[in-house]
Amino acid sequence: MKNAILAIIGIVLILTALFLLFTRDNSLINNNSSEIYGYWNLTEYSKGKQTNQVPDETQTANIIFEDNGRVTGTAFCNLYSGTYSTSGNDIEFSPFVTTEKACLPDIMTLENIYLRHLENVTKFEISGSNLYLKDSNGNGLLVYKLRDEPALEGTDWNALGYNNGRGGVVSLVIGTKITALFENGTVTGTSSCNSYSAPYALGENNSISIGTPAVTLIACEEDVMLQEQEYLNALQNSTVYQMTFDGLELLDSSGSLQATFINK
């Protein structure tokens, strides 16, 4: 009899444990809200008691939430990455790792404000296509707008880096800009100093061939002219394109990255 009672108690305890396991808050099992997944462009940030608009399209910040708990973005000047988790409307970031590029003082000031705000974020709210990140008191720190995923053609691409042919992808010279617009079989843009245009053709499995560019003949500083030539070489070396979660990558036939772009 005693053994039977103990057996019944054991069964009850097991069933109770199983009940708690399968009925507990689902946020403990997968606590990342799918609403937050995506690429968000910063539109507003707080500074003191004021709300400020992001200055212009050349000074940008964004945040990308992936469904694997990874978060990346651009902080006006540098790239940053880390991890995140959500539970309800609470959000927690790991410490961010950032690149160490130097930009103009005003941009670095914006970057410091932005990264400091991210460190203080503990709550989020999504309304329509807008994301609001707030501190523990509910004060708004950062406001973003969801960006539609771009396509290769018809998108204004801004280069983050290019292959210099001497060991890998490097960042752009401070104060320069490289752009690309693929449209109607011609890619056009700014290649640091000059404007360029080149024919291109698309094939199966995201293959691409880019012809010899026609370039204007403006003379710039030596390092800018070198960057321009290396970028145009990388462009012609590209044989495959791939759309990433946050932009465009061009690769050569061996799979080496030739250029990486984002849409601003």
Protein backbone atom coordinates (compact mmCIF):
# COMPACT_ATOMS: atom_id res chain seq x y z
CA MET A 1 0.00 0.00 0.00
CA LYS A 2 2.76 2.37 0.97
CA ASN A 3 4.59 1.65 -2.26
CA ALA A 4 1.43 2.31 -4.25
CA ILE A 5 0.96 5.69 -2.57
CA LEU A 6 4.59 6.64 -3.28
CA ALA A 7 4.16 5.61 -6.90
CA ILE A 8 1.02 7.78 -7.22
CA ILE A 9 2.84 10.75 -5.65
CA GLY A 10 5.74 10.24 -8.08
CA ILE A 11 3.38 10.21 -11.06
CA VAL A 12 1.67 13.41 -9.85
CA LEU A 13 5.03 15.17 -9.47
CA ILE A 14 6.09 14.13 -12.97
CA LEU A 15 2.81 15.29 -14.49
CA THR A 16 3.06 18.59 -12.62
CA ALA A 17 6.60 19.13 -13.92
CA LEU A 18 5.50 18.38 -17.48
CA PHE A 19 2.55 20.76 -17.13
CA LEU A 20 4.80 23.57 -15.94
CA LEU A 21 7.28 22.89 -18.73
CA PHE A 22 4.74 23.12 -21.52
CA THR A 23 2.58 25.89 -20.11
CA ARG A 24 5.29 28.25 -18.93
CA ASP A 25 5.72 31.65 -20.56
CA ASN A 26 6.75 31.04 -24.14
CA SER A 27 9.17 33.99 -23.91
CA LEU A 28 11.47 31.74 -21.89
CA ILE A 29 11.65 29.30 -24.79
CA ASN A 30 11.91 31.78 -27.67
CA ASN A 31 11.85 35.29 -26.32
CA ASN A 32 12.52 37.24 -29.51
CA SER A 33 9.49 38.99 -30.98
CA SER A 34 9.23 38.45 -34.74
CA GLU A 35 7.78 41.97 -35.05
CA ILE A 36 11.21 43.46 -34.51
CA TYR A 37 12.99 41.46 -37.22
CA GLY A 38 14.15 43.64 -40.09
CA TYR A 39 16.20 46.61 -41.24
CA TRP A 40 15.33 49.88 -39.50
CA ASN A 41 16.60 53.33 -40.51
CA LEU A 42 17.01 55.95 -37.79
CA THR A 43 14.74 58.96 -38.26
CA GLU A 44 14.87 60.71 -34.86
CA TYR A 45 17.02 60.73 -31.73
CA SER A 46 16.73 62.52 -28.42
CA LYS A 47 19.31 65.03 -27.21
CA GLY A 48 18.61 66.38 -23.77
CA LYS A 49 14.89 67.18 -23.71
CA GLN A 50 14.70 67.70 -27.45
CA THR A 51 13.87 65.33 -30.30
CA ASN A 52 16.11 65.78 -33.33
CA GLN A 53 15.68 64.66 -36.92
CA VAL A 54 18.56 62.76 -38.51
CA PRO A 55 20.49 65.57 -40.30
CA ASP A 56 20.59 64.29 -43.90
CA GLU A 57 20.92 61.16 -46.00
CA THR A 58 24.74 61.20 -45.92
CA GLN A 59 24.75 60.91 -42.12
CA THR A 60 22.90 57.74 -41.37
CA ALA A 61 22.37 55.22 -38.63
CA ASN A 62 20.42 51.99 -38.76
CA ILE A 63 19.80 48.80 -36.84
CA ILE A 64 19.18 45.30 -38.19
CA PHE A 65 17.50 42.67 -36.02
CA GLU A 66 18.04 39.11 -37.25
CA ASP A 67 15.90 36.16 -36.23
CA ASN A 68 18.93 34.39 -34.70
CA GLY A 69 19.33 37.01 -31.96
CA ARG A 70 22.06 38.95 -33.75
CA VAL A 71 21.90 42.72 -34.16
CA THR A 72 24.08 44.82 -36.47
CA GLY A 73 24.03 48.32 -37.88
CA THR A 74 25.75 51.53 -38.86
CA ALA A 75 26.24 54.20 -36.21
CA PHE A 76 26.71 57.27 -38.48
CA CYS A 77 30.39 56.41 -38.97
CA ASN A 78 31.27 52.94 -37.68
CA LEU A 79 29.65 49.54 -37.92
CA TYR A 80 28.46 47.82 -34.74
CA SER A 81 27.25 44.36 -33.82
CA GLY A 82 26.04 42.39 -30.83
CA THR A 83 23.14 40.25 -29.66
CA TYR A 84 19.68 41.01 -28.32
CA SER A 85 16.75 39.31 -26.60
CA THR A 86 13.17 40.41 -26.07
CA SER A 87 10.40 39.50 -23.68
CA GLY A 88 7.12 41.27 -24.20
CA ASN A 89 8.12 44.88 -24.77
CA ASP A 90 11.39 44.52 -22.87
CA ILE A 91 14.63 44.33 -24.82
CA GLU A 92 18.19 43.70 -23.74
CA PHE A 93 21.37 44.20 -25.77
CA SER A 94 24.77 42.65 -25.19
CA PRO A 95 27.74 45.05 -25.21
CA PHE A 96 28.35 46.17 -28.78
CA VAL A 97 31.52 45.63 -30.78
CA THR A 98 32.31 48.51 -33.15
CA THR A 99 34.82 49.25 -35.86
CA GLU A 100 37.32 52.04 -35.18
CA LYS A 101 37.04 54.29 -38.20
CA ALA A 102 37.51 58.04 -37.64
CA CYS A 103 35.04 60.47 -39.21
CA LEU A 104 34.43 64.21 -39.07
CA PRO A 105 33.93 65.59 -35.52
CA ASP A 106 30.22 66.37 -35.96
CA ILE A 107 29.53 62.84 -37.17
CA MET A 108 31.52 61.31 -34.33
CA THR A 109 29.46 63.38 -31.87
CA LEU A 110 26.25 61.97 -33.36
CA GLU A 111 27.69 58.47 -33.21
CA ASN A 112 28.56 58.82 -29.52
CA ILE A 113 25.01 60.00 -28.73
CA TYR A 114 23.54 57.14 -30.73
CA LEU A 115 25.63 54.38 -29.16
CA ARG A 116 25.06 55.79 -25.67
CA HIS A 117 21.31 55.71 -26.28
CA LEU A 118 21.49 52.09 -27.42
CA GLU A 119 23.27 51.18 -24.17
CA ASN A 120 20.36 52.68 -22.20
CA VAL A 121 17.57 51.02 -24.16
CA THR A 122 15.43 48.55 -22.17
CA LYS A 123 12.04 48.78 -23.91
CA PHE A 124 10.68 48.87 -27.44
CA GLU A 125 7.40 49.66 -29.13
CA ILE A 126 6.32 49.12 -32.73
CA SER A 127 3.58 51.22 -34.29
CA GLY A 128 2.92 50.74 -37.98
CA SER A 129 6.29 50.92 -39.73
CA ASN A 130 7.97 52.77 -36.84
CA LEU A 131 10.14 51.34 -34.06
CA TYR A 132 10.57 53.25 -30.79
CA LEU A 133 13.43 52.39 -28.42
CA LYS A 134 13.04 53.67 -24.86
CA ASP A 135 14.86 53.69 -21.54
CA SER A 136 13.64 52.06 -18.32
CA ASN A 137 11.49 55.11 -17.51
CA GLY A 138 9.72 54.97 -20.85
CA ASN A 139 11.56 57.98 -22.25
CA GLY A 140 11.96 57.87 -26.03
CA LEU A 141 15.59 57.65 -27.14
CA LEU A 142 15.57 56.52 -30.78
CA VAL A 143 12.94 56.29 -33.52
CA TYR A 144 13.35 54.17 -36.66
CA LYS A 145 11.39 53.47 -39.81
CA LEU A 146 11.25 50.00 -41.35
CA ARG A 147 13.02 49.85 -44.68
CA ASP A 148 11.63 47.81 -47.54
CA GLU A 149 14.08 45.18 -48.76
CA PRO A 150 15.83 46.57 -51.86
CA ALA A 151 16.41 44.87 -55.20
CA LEU A 152 19.66 44.88 -57.18
CA GLU A 153 18.22 47.01 -59.96
CA GLY A 154 16.68 50.41 -59.37
CA THR A 155 18.23 50.84 -55.91
CA ASP A 156 20.66 53.63 -54.99
CA TRP A 157 23.60 51.74 -53.50
CA ASN A 158 26.28 53.31 -51.30
CA ALA A 159 29.55 51.43 -50.91
CA LEU A 160 30.78 50.52 -47.43
CA GLY A 161 33.97 48.90 -48.67
CA TYR A 162 35.78 47.54 -51.70
CA ASN A 163 38.54 45.05 -52.46
CA ASN A 164 41.82 46.89 -53.01
CA GLY A 165 43.41 43.87 -54.69
CA ARG A 166 46.06 43.66 -51.99
CA GLY A 167 44.48 41.47 -49.35
CA GLY A 168 40.83 42.19 -48.85
CA VAL A 169 38.02 44.69 -48.43
CA VAL A 170 38.88 48.11 -47.02
CA SER A 171 36.78 51.06 -45.88
CA LEU A 172 36.45 54.22 -47.92
CA VAL A 173 38.78 57.19 -47.54
CA ILE A 174 37.22 59.62 -45.05
CA GLY A 175 35.03 62.18 -46.77
CA THR A 176 34.61 60.21 -50.00
CA LYS A 177 31.59 58.45 -51.44
CA ILE A 178 31.15 55.57 -53.86
CA THR A 179 27.73 54.82 -55.33
CA ALA A 180 26.18 52.42 -57.82
CA LEU A 181 22.82 52.29 -59.60
CA PHE A 182 22.09 49.20 -61.71
CA GLU A 183 19.40 49.98 -64.25
CA ASN A 184 18.55 48.96 -67.82
CA GLY A 185 21.86 47.19 -68.40
CA THR A 186 24.05 50.09 -67.25
CA VAL A 187 25.59 50.70 -63.85
CA THR A 188 26.28 54.34 -63.04
CA GLY A 189 27.56 56.19 -60.02
CA THR A 190 30.31 58.11 -58.33
CA SER A 191 33.65 56.33 -57.96
CA SER A 192 35.20 58.63 -55.30
CA CYS A 193 36.26 61.49 -57.56
CA ASN A 194 34.70 60.92 -60.96
CA SER A 195 31.38 59.72 -62.31
CA TYR A 196 31.34 56.41 -64.14
CA SER A 197 29.10 54.20 -66.22
CA ALA A 198 29.57 50.61 -67.38
CA PRO A 199 27.49 47.98 -69.14
CA TYR A 200 26.38 44.94 -67.16
CA ALA A 201 24.51 41.72 -67.85
CA LEU A 202 22.75 39.33 -65.47
CA GLY A 203 22.68 35.55 -65.82
CA GLU A 204 21.53 32.46 -63.96
CA ASN A 205 22.28 31.87 -60.28
CA ASN A 206 22.87 35.59 -59.60
CA SER A 207 25.75 35.80 -62.05
CA ILE A 208 26.77 39.25 -63.28
CA SER A 209 29.32 40.57 -65.75
CA ILE A 210 30.39 44.22 -65.67
CA GLY A 211 32.20 45.79 -68.60
CA THR A 212 34.90 48.44 -68.81
CA PRO A 213 33.68 51.69 -67.22
CA ALA A 214 33.65 55.06 -68.95
CA VAL A 215 34.90 57.63 -66.45
CA THR A 216 35.02 61.43 -66.35
CA LEU A 217 38.48 62.99 -66.11
CA ILE A 218 38.48 65.07 -62.92
CA ALA A 219 41.75 64.95 -60.94
CA CYS A 220 41.61 64.50 -57.16
CA GLU A 221 44.05 63.73 -54.34
CA GLU A 222 46.36 60.77 -54.90
CA ASP A 223 44.73 58.50 -52.30
CA VAL A 224 41.26 59.25 -53.69
CA MET A 225 42.38 58.49 -57.25
CA LEU A 226 43.92 55.21 -56.06
CA GLN A 227 40.69 54.26 -54.29
CA GLU A 228 38.73 55.06 -57.44
CA GLN A 229 40.89 52.81 -59.63
CA GLU A 230 40.82 49.95 -57.12
CA TYR A 231 37.03 50.17 -56.84
CA LEU A 232 36.56 50.14 -60.61
CA ASN A 233 38.88 47.12 -60.84
CA ALA A 234 36.85 45.35 -58.14
CA LEU A 235 33.67 46.14 -60.05
CA GLN A 236 35.02 44.49 -63.21
CA ASN A 237 36.27 41.48 -61.23
CA SER A 238 32.76 40.79 -59.91
CA THR A 239 30.99 37.77 -61.36
CA VAL A 240 28.31 37.07 -58.73
CA TYR A 241 25.98 39.29 -56.74
CA GLN A 242 24.07 38.39 -53.61
CA MET A 243 21.44 40.27 -51.67
CA THR A 244 22.15 40.22 -47.95
CA PHE A 245 19.87 41.08 -45.07
CA ASP A 246 21.27 44.60 -45.06
CA GLY A 247 22.50 45.24 -48.59
CA LEU A 248 24.37 44.03 -51.65
CA GLU A 249 27.62 42.12 -52.05
CA LEU A 250 29.63 41.62 -55.24
CA LEU A 251 31.98 38.61 -55.37
CA ASP A 252 34.50 37.24 -57.87
CA SER A 253 34.56 33.72 -59.30
CA SER A 254 36.47 32.39 -56.27
CA GLY A 255 33.90 33.79 -53.84
CA SER A 256 36.11 36.66 -52.64
CA LEU A 257 34.20 39.79 -51.69
CA GLN A 258 34.84 42.63 -54.14
CA ALA A 259 32.48 45.32 -52.86
CA THR A 260 29.77 45.70 -50.27
CA PHE A 261 26.92 48.22 -50.39
CA ILE A 262 23.98 49.43 -48.38
CA ASN A 263 20.90 51.29 -49.53
CA LYS A 264 20.52 54.64 -47.77
